[in-house]
Amino acid sequence: MGGVVGYGGIQGYLVATGLAGVVGTGREKSLGRYRLFAARDPRVLMGVEPQGGWGVGELVALMAEKCGVSADPGCVSGHDVIDPERTVAALDAFAGRVAVVAQRGGTVLIGTGHPHRLLGFYGGLADALSAAGCTVLTPAQGRSVDITTRFGLRTHHLDYVRGVAVVREGDGERAGCATPVHSHSPLPVRLALGAAAEEGRPLPDLVIGDHGWVCGAGQLGFEAIGLADTDDPAVFVGEAEGVVSVAVPLDDGVWSDCYLPLTRYVLNRACLSQ
């Protein structure tokens, strides 16, 4: 996989793996999310408090600009398309922010709502940043938070795997054995940041993540960068409004190993080794 590090190589790799180009995310699903965002549904806002009106038409236009999806509101079916050039440009900007915090030996908080797909990507970043002298924070480990899911209110607890924050459903010993779960909620990052502040622990210079991790942290005023699919308009609205520093458009639902070369690409661009 080392051959994908160059600019042209990474573009081809993104398209070949479905991370960009024609992606698995359906247009109908994305439009449904845009409608929910326009209605200010908290499940889709992911912690962002938008300042603009952001109707469906405006969201379609924004996502066309940021991701390369069809700008035609009349296109209501088929698969979304992500422009690989936009993905690479965003990955380069992402790497630039990683390089800055690494050069400073700063503090980083990393979290994912996509543990089954993206844990390896983020874990590689955490390993490299730690080796570069950064402090990878793990505040509020084991603390509980109630998150509304499609099954109702459920207790989750915050855990860290390879320095990456995840949530597991349940509480106590049973939750410690549970598989990390998918989540859009900003509550875990609010819990982590709040606990660090209450205990007088360091706060992050940079938050890296997706879903509620990047949106929730950015809304609280922390510099936040992350990955987002075409059905995650909150991250791109956050970027457009200055809440999120960098939003990288890519399909967040492909095989987990496909993201590992992206870790190497980011670290190479940031002049770090894994």
Protein backbone atom coordinates (compact mmCIF):
# COMPACT_ATOMS: atom_id res chain seq x y z
CA MET A 1 0.00 0.00 0.00
CA GLY A 2 3.04 2.30 0.19
CA GLY A 3 2.54 3.31 -3.46
CA VAL A 4 -0.61 5.32 -2.70
CA VAL A 5 1.27 8.03 -0.82
CA GLY A 6 1.77 10.29 -3.85
CA TYR A 7 -0.98 12.72 -4.87
CA GLY A 8 -1.99 10.87 -8.05
CA GLY A 9 -1.70 7.50 -6.37
CA ILE A 10 -3.96 8.43 -3.49
CA GLN A 11 -6.66 9.71 -5.84
CA GLY A 12 -6.68 6.43 -7.72
CA TYR A 13 -6.73 4.50 -4.48
CA LEU A 14 -9.70 6.47 -3.16
CA VAL A 15 -11.72 5.70 -6.28
CA ALA A 16 -10.65 2.04 -6.44
CA THR A 17 -11.75 1.39 -2.85
CA GLY A 18 -14.97 3.41 -3.02
CA LEU A 19 -13.74 5.95 -0.47
CA ALA A 20 -14.34 8.57 -3.15
CA GLY A 21 -15.70 8.54 -6.68
CA VAL A 22 -19.00 6.66 -6.74
CA VAL A 23 -19.56 5.80 -3.08
CA GLY A 24 -21.92 3.49 -1.25
CA THR A 25 -23.97 6.27 0.32
CA GLY A 26 -27.30 6.59 -1.44
CA ARG A 27 -28.60 9.93 -2.68
CA GLU A 28 -31.99 9.26 -1.12
CA LYS A 29 -30.39 8.70 2.29
CA SER A 30 -28.35 11.88 2.00
CA LEU A 31 -31.37 13.96 1.03
CA GLY A 32 -33.26 12.53 3.98
CA ARG A 33 -30.46 13.67 6.28
CA TYR A 34 -30.50 17.13 4.70
CA ARG A 35 -34.22 17.41 5.39
CA LEU A 36 -33.68 16.40 9.01
CA PHE A 37 -30.86 18.91 9.35
CA ALA A 38 -33.03 21.65 7.87
CA ALA A 39 -35.65 20.75 10.50
CA ARG A 40 -32.92 21.01 13.20
CA ASP A 41 -33.22 17.37 14.25
CA PRO A 42 -30.58 16.92 17.00
CA ARG A 43 -29.75 13.41 15.74
CA VAL A 44 -28.37 14.99 12.57
CA LEU A 45 -27.00 18.24 14.02
CA MET A 46 -24.37 16.21 15.95
CA GLY A 47 -23.78 19.11 18.34
CA VAL A 48 -23.54 21.89 15.76
CA GLU A 49 -25.69 24.95 16.42
CA PRO A 50 -26.02 26.40 12.91
CA GLN A 51 -26.18 30.15 12.49
CA GLY A 52 -27.46 30.13 8.93
CA GLY A 53 -30.90 29.13 7.69
CA TRP A 54 -29.62 26.03 5.86
CA GLY A 55 -32.66 24.81 3.99
CA VAL A 56 -32.44 21.68 1.87
CA GLY A 57 -31.49 23.60 -1.27
CA GLU A 58 -28.68 25.39 0.53
CA LEU A 59 -27.41 22.10 1.95
CA VAL A 60 -27.41 20.45 -1.48
CA ALA A 61 -25.37 23.39 -2.82
CA LEU A 62 -22.95 23.23 0.11
CA MET A 63 -22.44 19.48 -0.21
CA ALA A 64 -21.87 19.85 -3.95
CA GLU A 65 -19.17 22.44 -3.19
CA LYS A 66 -17.52 20.54 -0.34
CA CYS A 67 -17.87 16.95 -1.57
CA GLY A 68 -18.68 17.03 -5.27
CA VAL A 69 -22.14 15.44 -5.02
CA SER A 70 -24.76 16.40 -7.58
CA ALA A 71 -25.91 20.01 -7.22
CA ASP A 72 -29.23 19.15 -8.87
CA PRO A 73 -32.02 19.00 -6.25
CA GLY A 74 -33.98 16.95 -8.76
CA CYS A 75 -31.43 14.13 -8.50
CA VAL A 76 -33.11 11.95 -5.89
CA SER A 77 -31.78 8.43 -6.46
CA GLY A 78 -28.62 6.49 -7.18
CA HIS A 79 -25.31 6.72 -5.35
CA ASP A 80 -23.55 9.88 -4.26
CA VAL A 81 -20.28 10.87 -5.87
CA ILE A 82 -17.34 12.36 -3.98
CA ASP A 83 -14.70 14.21 -5.98
CA PRO A 84 -11.36 12.57 -5.06
CA GLU A 85 -9.54 15.87 -5.64
CA ARG A 86 -11.63 17.45 -2.91
CA THR A 87 -10.86 14.52 -0.60
CA VAL A 88 -7.12 14.80 -1.19
CA ALA A 89 -7.13 18.57 -0.73
CA ALA A 90 -8.96 18.11 2.58
CA LEU A 91 -6.58 15.32 3.65
CA ASP A 92 -3.68 17.68 2.98
CA ALA A 93 -5.31 20.39 5.11
CA PHE A 94 -6.01 17.76 7.79
CA ALA A 95 -2.34 16.71 7.72
CA GLY A 96 -1.31 20.35 8.04
CA ARG A 97 -3.21 20.71 11.31
CA VAL A 98 -1.75 17.42 12.58
CA ALA A 99 1.74 18.69 11.72
CA VAL A 100 1.22 21.92 13.67
CA VAL A 101 0.16 20.16 16.87
CA ALA A 102 2.97 17.61 16.48
CA GLN A 103 5.60 20.33 16.08
CA ARG A 104 4.34 21.96 19.28
CA GLY A 105 4.22 18.67 21.19
CA GLY A 106 0.65 19.62 21.95
CA THR A 107 -2.33 17.85 23.46
CA VAL A 108 -4.79 15.89 21.34
CA LEU A 109 -8.17 14.27 21.93
CA ILE A 110 -9.26 11.66 19.39
CA GLY A 111 -12.70 10.04 19.24
CA THR A 112 -14.89 8.18 16.79
CA GLY A 113 -18.55 7.36 16.36
CA HIS A 114 -17.50 4.82 13.70
CA PRO A 115 -15.36 2.38 15.73
CA HIS A 116 -15.96 -0.58 13.42
CA ARG A 117 -14.63 1.29 10.40
CA LEU A 118 -12.31 4.08 11.53
CA LEU A 119 -10.64 2.92 14.73
CA GLY A 120 -7.51 1.80 12.88
CA PHE A 121 -7.21 5.11 11.04
CA TYR A 122 -7.40 7.12 14.24
CA GLY A 123 -5.32 4.65 16.24
CA GLY A 124 -2.44 5.07 13.82
CA LEU A 125 -2.62 8.83 14.24
CA ALA A 126 -2.68 8.49 18.02
CA ASP A 127 0.38 6.23 17.97
CA ALA A 128 2.35 8.60 15.75
CA LEU A 129 1.38 11.73 17.67
CA SER A 130 2.32 10.09 20.96
CA ALA A 131 5.69 9.05 19.49
CA ALA A 132 6.21 12.65 18.33
CA GLY A 133 5.87 13.90 21.91
CA CYS A 134 2.20 14.86 21.94
CA THR A 135 -0.07 14.02 24.85
CA VAL A 136 -3.02 11.93 23.68
CA LEU A 137 -5.72 12.65 26.24
CA THR A 138 -8.06 10.06 27.77
CA PRO A 139 -10.33 12.01 30.12
CA ALA A 140 -13.45 10.58 31.78
CA GLN A 141 -12.55 6.98 31.00
CA GLY A 142 -15.27 4.67 32.32
CA ARG A 143 -17.72 7.52 32.95
CA SER A 144 -21.33 6.97 31.92
CA VAL A 145 -23.50 9.05 29.61
CA ASP A 146 -27.13 8.54 28.56
CA ILE A 147 -27.59 8.74 24.79
CA THR A 148 -30.87 8.69 22.89
CA THR A 149 -30.83 5.94 20.27
CA ARG A 150 -33.49 4.58 17.94
CA PHE A 151 -34.35 2.18 20.76
CA GLY A 152 -34.79 4.98 23.28
CA LEU A 153 -32.52 6.36 25.99
CA ARG A 154 -29.59 4.02 26.64
CA THR A 155 -26.70 4.23 29.09
CA HIS A 156 -23.25 4.16 27.47
CA HIS A 157 -19.81 4.47 28.93
CA LEU A 158 -16.71 6.14 27.58
CA ASP A 159 -13.67 4.02 26.84
CA TYR A 160 -10.38 4.41 24.99
CA VAL A 161 -8.86 1.94 22.54
CA ARG A 162 -5.34 2.76 21.32
CA GLY A 163 -5.90 6.27 22.63
CA VAL A 164 -9.13 6.69 20.64
CA ALA A 165 -12.35 7.45 22.50
CA VAL A 166 -15.33 5.17 21.81
CA VAL A 167 -18.59 4.45 23.59
CA ARG A 168 -19.87 1.06 24.68
CA GLU A 169 -23.52 0.47 25.47
CA GLY A 170 -24.31 -0.39 29.08
CA ASP A 171 -22.72 0.50 32.38
CA GLY A 172 -20.38 -1.12 34.89
CA GLU A 173 -18.58 -4.43 34.27
CA ARG A 174 -20.99 -5.56 31.57
CA ALA A 175 -20.28 -2.49 29.48
CA GLY A 176 -16.54 -3.06 29.76
CA CYS A 177 -16.93 -6.23 27.72
CA ALA A 178 -19.35 -4.73 25.19
CA THR A 179 -18.35 -3.95 21.62
CA PRO A 180 -17.92 -0.22 20.86
CA VAL A 181 -21.00 1.15 19.14
CA HIS A 182 -21.81 3.60 16.35
CA SER A 183 -22.92 7.01 17.60
CA HIS A 184 -23.68 10.49 16.27
CA SER A 185 -24.02 12.03 19.73
CA PRO A 186 -21.92 15.01 20.91
CA LEU A 187 -22.54 14.02 24.55
CA PRO A 188 -19.40 11.83 24.88
CA VAL A 189 -17.04 14.63 23.82
CA ARG A 190 -18.85 17.06 26.10
CA LEU A 191 -18.39 14.57 28.94
CA ALA A 192 -14.70 14.14 28.18
CA LEU A 193 -13.96 17.85 27.88
CA GLY A 194 -16.06 18.71 30.89
CA ALA A 195 -14.34 16.11 33.04
CA ALA A 196 -10.90 17.35 32.01
CA ALA A 197 -11.83 20.93 32.90
CA GLU A 198 -13.39 19.97 36.23
CA GLU A 199 -10.33 17.96 37.25
CA GLY A 200 -7.86 20.64 36.16
CA ARG A 201 -6.40 18.35 33.51
CA PRO A 202 -4.97 19.57 30.19
CA LEU A 203 -7.45 20.49 27.49
CA PRO A 204 -6.80 19.56 23.86
CA ASP A 205 -5.06 21.82 21.39
CA LEU A 206 -6.71 19.73 18.68
CA VAL A 207 -9.66 17.34 18.56
CA ILE A 208 -9.67 14.71 15.80
CA GLY A 209 -12.71 12.63 15.02
CA ASP A 210 -16.05 12.37 13.28
CA HIS A 211 -19.75 12.78 13.98
CA GLY A 212 -20.42 14.24 17.42
CA TRP A 213 -16.74 14.24 18.36
CA VAL A 214 -15.69 16.78 15.75
CA CYS A 215 -18.95 18.78 15.75
CA GLY A 216 -19.40 18.82 19.52
CA ALA A 217 -15.81 19.84 20.21
CA GLY A 218 -15.81 22.49 17.51
CA GLN A 219 -19.05 24.00 18.81
CA LEU A 220 -17.39 24.34 22.23
CA GLY A 221 -14.58 26.36 20.70
CA PHE A 222 -11.88 23.70 20.33
CA GLU A 223 -10.05 23.32 17.05
CA ALA A 224 -11.55 20.21 15.47
CA ILE A 225 -10.80 18.27 12.29
CA GLY A 226 -12.38 15.09 10.99
CA LEU A 227 -13.88 12.82 8.39
CA ALA A 228 -17.44 12.93 7.10
CA ASP A 229 -19.65 11.18 4.57
CA THR A 230 -22.11 12.83 2.19
CA ASP A 231 -24.98 12.11 4.59
CA ASP A 232 -23.24 14.01 7.42
CA PRO A 233 -24.08 17.63 6.54
CA ALA A 234 -23.39 18.88 10.08
CA VAL A 235 -19.63 18.50 9.70
CA PHE A 236 -19.58 20.51 6.47
CA VAL A 237 -21.94 23.17 7.83
CA GLY A 238 -19.61 23.38 10.82
CA GLU A 239 -16.68 23.91 8.47
CA ALA A 240 -18.58 26.52 6.45
CA GLU A 241 -19.45 28.43 9.63
CA GLY A 242 -15.95 28.20 11.11
CA VAL A 243 -16.81 25.70 13.85
CA VAL A 244 -14.89 22.80 12.25
CA SER A 245 -11.40 23.54 10.90
CA VAL A 246 -11.21 20.73 8.33
CA ALA A 247 -13.86 18.31 7.06
CA VAL A 248 -12.58 15.48 4.85
CA PRO A 249 -15.25 14.09 2.48
CA LEU A 250 -15.14 10.33 2.08
CA ASP A 251 -17.31 7.25 2.44
CA ASP A 252 -17.13 6.29 6.12
CA GLY A 253 -18.66 2.84 5.68
CA VAL A 254 -16.16 0.77 3.70
CA TRP A 255 -13.92 -2.04 4.96
CA SER A 256 -11.79 -0.86 7.90
CA ASP A 257 -8.44 -1.84 6.34
CA CYS A 258 -9.13 0.55 3.45
CA TYR A 259 -8.52 3.54 5.71
CA LEU A 260 -5.04 2.48 6.85
CA PRO A 261 -3.24 3.84 3.77
CA LEU A 262 -4.92 7.17 4.51
CA THR A 263 -3.22 7.18 7.91
CA ARG A 264 0.11 6.68 6.17
CA TYR A 265 -0.71 9.42 3.67
CA VAL A 266 -1.61 11.91 6.41
CA LEU A 267 1.47 11.09 8.46
CA ASN A 268 3.70 11.37 5.41
CA ARG A 269 2.24 14.79 4.55
CA ALA A 270 2.63 15.83 8.19
CA CYS A 271 6.28 14.66 8.13
CA LEU A 272 5.60 12.08 10.85
CA SER A 273 6.35 8.37 10.90
CA GLN A 274 3.96 5.66 12.05
